[in-house]
Each structure stands twice: as C-alpha cells, then as structure tokens.
Amino acid sequence: MKFVWLAAYLITAFFTFTNQMMLAMDWMAGTMLAEAAYSAGTSLWQKKK
C-alpha cells in the first residue's frame, strides 16, 4: 500500500513542478484524505479482531 501513496505523492510533485498548482492541491488533498480514511479503516478493523 505504501507504493500507492508514493505514486500519488509523486503525481502531486509532478503537477507542482509543472506549475499546475490547482491540480497539485487537488491531488494532495485527495491523497491525504484517502490515506487517512485507509489508516482509520485498517485501525478500526484491527481493533475489532
């Protein structure tokens, strides 16, 4: 799963360095939201077990 987050952050960096700041901010926000939701979901699922 770490490679998925790495790829998403690399896409964010690409958009940042190509001066497409709105796309970069959208990717960053989406990646952070997905990462937090995934982390919370796995944490809750492990506590249930």
PDB file of N, CA and C in Angstrom:
ATOM      1  N   MET A   1       0.829  -1.194   0.000  1.00  0.00           N
ATOM      2  CA  MET A   1       0.000   0.000   0.000  1.00  0.00           C
ATOM      3  C   MET A   1       0.869   1.253   0.000  1.00  0.00           C
ATOM      4  N   LYS A   2       2.065   1.129   0.545  1.00  0.00           N
ATOM      5  CA  LYS A   2       2.969   2.286   0.591  1.00  0.00           C
ATOM      6  C   LYS A   2       3.304   2.788  -0.814  1.00  0.00           C
ATOM      7  N   PHE A   3       3.378   1.865  -1.771  1.00  0.00           N
ATOM      8  CA  PHE A   3       3.691   2.275  -3.137  1.00  0.00           C
ATOM      9  C   PHE A   3       2.562   3.087  -3.765  1.00  0.00           C
ATOM     10  N   VAL A   4       1.333   2.819  -3.362  1.00  0.00           N
ATOM     11  CA  VAL A   4       0.188   3.593  -3.853  1.00  0.00           C
ATOM     12  C   VAL A   4       0.307   5.031  -3.367  1.00  0.00           C
ATOM     13  N   TRP A   5       0.630   5.214  -2.072  1.00  0.00           N
ATOM     14  CA  TRP A   5       0.773   6.574  -1.543  1.00  0.00           C
ATOM     15  C   TRP A   5       1.957   7.266  -2.186  1.00  0.00           C
ATOM     16  N   LEU A   6       3.036   6.531  -2.393  1.00  0.00           N
ATOM     17  CA  LEU A   6       4.207   7.115  -3.047  1.00  0.00           C
ATOM     18  C   LEU A   6       3.866   7.597  -4.449  1.00  0.00           C
ATOM     19  N   ALA A   7       3.141   6.779  -5.205  1.00  0.00           N
ATOM     20  CA  ALA A   7       2.749   7.167  -6.565  1.00  0.00           C
ATOM     21  C   ALA A   7       1.860   8.410  -6.546  1.00  0.00           C
ATOM     22  N   ALA A   8       0.922   8.460  -5.613  1.00  0.00           N
ATOM     23  CA  ALA A   8       0.029   9.620  -5.535  1.00  0.00           C
ATOM     24  C   ALA A   8       0.808  10.883  -5.193  1.00  0.00           C
ATOM     25  N   TYR A   9       1.771  10.795  -4.281  1.00  0.00           N
ATOM     26  CA  TYR A   9       2.568  11.965  -3.934  1.00  0.00           C
ATOM     27  C   TYR A   9       3.524  12.348  -5.060  1.00  0.00           C
ATOM     28  N   LEU A  10       3.990  11.378  -5.822  1.00  0.00           N
ATOM     29  CA  LEU A  10       4.820  11.692  -6.988  1.00  0.00           C
ATOM     30  C   LEU A  10       4.014  12.439  -8.048  1.00  0.00           C
ATOM     31  N   ILE A  11       2.762  12.062  -8.226  1.00  0.00           N
ATOM     32  CA  ILE A  11       1.891  12.787  -9.156  1.00  0.00           C
ATOM     33  C   ILE A  11       1.697  14.219  -8.663  1.00  0.00           C
ATOM     34  N   THR A  12       1.537  14.389  -7.355  1.00  0.00           N
ATOM     35  CA  THR A  12       1.417  15.733  -6.777  1.00  0.00           C
ATOM     36  C   THR A  12       2.672  16.544  -7.068  1.00  0.00           C
ATOM     37  N   ALA A  13       3.838  15.939  -6.876  1.00  0.00           N
ATOM     38  CA  ALA A  13       5.098  16.640  -7.137  1.00  0.00           C
ATOM     39  C   ALA A  13       5.220  17.004  -8.609  1.00  0.00           C
ATOM     40  N   PHE A  14       4.804  16.102  -9.490  1.00  0.00           N
ATOM     41  CA  PHE A  14       4.855  16.392 -10.921  1.00  0.00           C
ATOM     42  C   PHE A  14       4.013  17.621 -11.261  1.00  0.00           C
ATOM     43  N   PHE A  15       2.789  17.661 -10.740  1.00  0.00           N
ATOM     44  CA  PHE A  15       1.928  18.810 -11.016  1.00  0.00           C
ATOM     45  C   PHE A  15       2.502  20.090 -10.404  1.00  0.00           C
ATOM     46  N   THR A  16       3.151  19.983  -9.261  1.00  0.00           N
ATOM     47  CA  THR A  16       3.748  21.157  -8.626  1.00  0.00           C
ATOM     48  C   THR A  16       4.878  21.711  -9.489  1.00  0.00           C
ATOM     49  N   PHE A  17       5.751  20.841  -9.962  1.00  0.00           N
ATOM     50  CA  PHE A  17       6.911  21.296 -10.730  1.00  0.00           C
ATOM     51  C   PHE A  17       6.569  21.713 -12.156  1.00  0.00           C
ATOM     52  N   THR A  18       5.370  21.362 -12.627  1.00  0.00           N
ATOM     53  CA  THR A  18       4.953  21.816 -13.954  1.00  0.00           C
ATOM     54  C   THR A  18       4.004  23.005 -13.860  1.00  0.00           C
ATOM     55  N   ASN A  19       3.989  23.657 -12.701  1.00  0.00           N
ATOM     56  CA  ASN A  19       3.196  24.872 -12.464  1.00  0.00           C
ATOM     57  C   ASN A  19       1.696  24.678 -12.653  1.00  0.00           C
ATOM     58  N   GLN A  20       1.191  23.536 -12.280  1.00  0.00           N
ATOM     59  CA  GLN A  20      -0.249  23.269 -12.301  1.00  0.00           C
ATOM     60  C   GLN A  20      -0.698  23.128 -10.850  1.00  0.00           C
ATOM     61  N   MET A  21      -0.678  24.266 -10.155  1.00  0.00           N
ATOM     62  CA  MET A  21      -0.862  24.250  -8.703  1.00  0.00           C
ATOM     63  C   MET A  21      -2.255  23.792  -8.268  1.00  0.00           C
ATOM     64  N   MET A  22      -3.288  24.115  -9.028  1.00  0.00           N
ATOM     65  CA  MET A  22      -4.631  23.686  -8.629  1.00  0.00           C
ATOM     66  C   MET A  22      -4.743  22.158  -8.683  1.00  0.00           C
ATOM     67  N   LEU A  23      -4.217  21.563  -9.739  1.00  0.00           N
ATOM     68  CA  LEU A  23      -4.224  20.100  -9.818  1.00  0.00           C
ATOM     69  C   LEU A  23      -3.378  19.496  -8.701  1.00  0.00           C
ATOM     70  N   ALA A  24      -2.246  20.121  -8.401  1.00  0.00           N
ATOM     71  CA  ALA A  24      -1.379  19.625  -7.336  1.00  0.00           C
ATOM     72  C   ALA A  24      -2.113  19.664  -5.993  1.00  0.00           C
ATOM     73  N   MET A  25      -2.822  20.754  -5.727  1.00  0.00           N
ATOM     74  CA  MET A  25      -3.556  20.850  -4.461  1.00  0.00           C
ATOM     75  C   MET A  25      -4.689  19.834  -4.404  1.00  0.00           C
ATOM     76  N   ASP A  26      -5.363  19.623  -5.522  1.00  0.00           N
ATOM     77  CA  ASP A  26      -6.431  18.618  -5.553  1.00  0.00           C
ATOM     78  C   ASP A  26      -5.884  17.224  -5.284  1.00  0.00           C
ATOM     79  N   TRP A  27      -4.764  16.871  -5.936  1.00  0.00           N
ATOM     80  CA  TRP A  27      -4.151  15.564  -5.726  1.00  0.00           C
ATOM     81  C   TRP A  27      -3.678  15.405  -4.291  1.00  0.00           C
ATOM     82  N   MET A  28      -3.084  16.476  -3.732  1.00  0.00           N
ATOM     83  CA  MET A  28      -2.593  16.396  -2.362  1.00  0.00           C
ATOM     84  C   MET A  28      -3.744  16.189  -1.381  1.00  0.00           C
ATOM     85  N   ALA A  29      -4.808  16.954  -1.552  1.00  0.00           N
ATOM     86  CA  ALA A  29      -5.963  16.816  -0.661  1.00  0.00           C
ATOM     87  C   ALA A  29      -6.592  15.431  -0.797  1.00  0.00           C
ATOM     88  N   GLY A  30      -6.746  14.957  -2.011  1.00  0.00           N
ATOM     89  CA  GLY A  30      -7.331  13.637  -2.241  1.00  0.00           C
ATOM     90  C   GLY A  30      -6.472  12.520  -1.674  1.00  0.00           C
ATOM     91  N   THR A  31      -5.172  12.636  -1.852  1.00  0.00           N
ATOM     92  CA  THR A  31      -4.256  11.628  -1.338  1.00  0.00           C
ATOM     93  C   THR A  31      -4.273  11.603   0.185  1.00  0.00           C
ATOM     94  N   MET A  32      -4.256  12.784   0.788  1.00  0.00           N
ATOM     95  CA  MET A  32      -4.269  12.841   2.248  1.00  0.00           C
ATOM     96  C   MET A  32      -5.582  12.297   2.811  1.00  0.00           C
ATOM     97  N   LEU A  33      -6.690  12.608   2.153  1.00  0.00           N
ATOM     98  CA  LEU A  33      -7.983  12.091   2.595  1.00  0.00           C
ATOM     99  C   LEU A  33      -8.038  10.570   2.461  1.00  0.00           C
ATOM    100  N   ALA A  34      -7.586  10.051   1.322  1.00  0.00           N
ATOM    101  CA  ALA A  34      -7.597   8.604   1.106  1.00  0.00           C
ATOM    102  C   ALA A  34      -6.679   7.893   2.099  1.00  0.00           C
ATOM    103  N   GLU A  35      -5.518   8.472   2.345  1.00  0.00           N
ATOM    104  CA  GLU A  35      -4.571   7.856   3.277  1.00  0.00           C
ATOM    105  C   GLU A  35      -5.130   7.847   4.695  1.00  0.00           C
ATOM    106  N   ALA A  36      -5.763   8.930   5.109  1.00  0.00           N
ATOM    107  CA  ALA A  36      -6.357   8.998   6.445  1.00  0.00           C
ATOM    108  C   ALA A  36      -7.522   8.027   6.575  1.00  0.00           C
ATOM    109  N   ALA A  37      -8.365   7.945   5.560  1.00  0.00           N
ATOM    110  CA  ALA A  37      -9.503   7.034   5.599  1.00  0.00           C
ATOM    111  C   ALA A  37      -9.025   5.579   5.633  1.00  0.00           C
ATOM    112  N   TYR A  38      -8.027   5.262   4.841  1.00  0.00           N
ATOM    113  CA  TYR A  38      -7.481   3.907   4.832  1.00  0.00           C
ATOM    114  C   TYR A  38      -6.871   3.554   6.184  1.00  0.00           C
ATOM    115  N   SER A  39      -6.113   4.489   6.741  1.00  0.00           N
ATOM    116  CA  SER A  39      -5.474   4.259   8.035  1.00  0.00           C
ATOM    117  C   SER A  39      -6.521   4.070   9.137  1.00  0.00           C
ATOM    118  N   ALA A  40      -7.541   4.908   9.137  1.00  0.00           N
ATOM    119  CA  ALA A  40      -8.598   4.784  10.142  1.00  0.00           C
ATOM    120  C   ALA A  40      -9.356   3.471   9.970  1.00  0.00           C
ATOM    121  N   GLY A  41      -9.646   3.102   8.735  1.00  0.00           N
ATOM    122  CA  GLY A  41     -10.362   1.859   8.474  1.00  0.00           C
ATOM    123  C   GLY A  41      -9.584   0.637   8.914  1.00  0.00           C
ATOM    124  N   THR A  42      -8.293   0.593   8.593  1.00  0.00           N
ATOM    125  CA  THR A  42      -7.496  -0.561   8.998  1.00  0.00           C
ATOM    126  C   THR A  42      -7.319  -0.593  10.504  1.00  0.00           C
ATOM    127  N   SER A  43      -7.181   0.580  11.127  1.00  0.00           N
ATOM    128  CA  SER A  43      -7.028   0.631  12.575  1.00  0.00           C
ATOM    129  C   SER A  43      -8.295   0.118  13.269  1.00  0.00           C
ATOM    130  N   LEU A  44      -9.441   0.548  12.815  1.00  0.00           N
ATOM    131  CA  LEU A  44     -10.698   0.091  13.408  1.00  0.00           C
ATOM    132  C   LEU A  44     -10.919  -1.392  13.146  1.00  0.00           C
ATOM    133  N   TRP A  45     -10.553  -1.866  11.970  1.00  0.00           N
ATOM    134  CA  TRP A  45     -10.741  -3.275  11.622  1.00  0.00           C
ATOM    135  C   TRP A  45      -9.841  -4.154  12.478  1.00  0.00           C
ATOM    136  N   GLN A  46      -8.617  -3.702  12.757  1.00  0.00           N
ATOM    137  CA  GLN A  46      -7.704  -4.497  13.579  1.00  0.00           C
ATOM    138  C   GLN A  46      -8.169  -4.521  15.032  1.00  0.00           C
ATOM    139  N   LYS A  47      -8.751  -3.437  15.511  1.00  0.00           N
ATOM    140  CA  LYS A  47      -9.249  -3.415  16.882  1.00  0.00           C
ATOM    141  C   LYS A  47     -10.448  -4.354  17.047  1.00  0.00           C
ATOM    142  N   LYS A  48     -11.227  -4.506  15.980  1.00  0.00           N
ATOM    143  CA  LYS A  48     -12.392  -5.388  16.018  1.00  0.00           C
ATOM    144  C   LYS A  48     -11.976  -6.843  16.180  1.00  0.00           C
ATOM    145  N   LYS A  49     -10.885  -7.216  15.545  1.00  0.00           N
ATOM    146  CA  LYS A  49     -10.389  -8.598  15.614  1.00  0.00           C
ATOM    147  C   LYS A  49      -9.879  -8.847  16.953  1.00  0.00           C
TER     148      LYS A  49
END
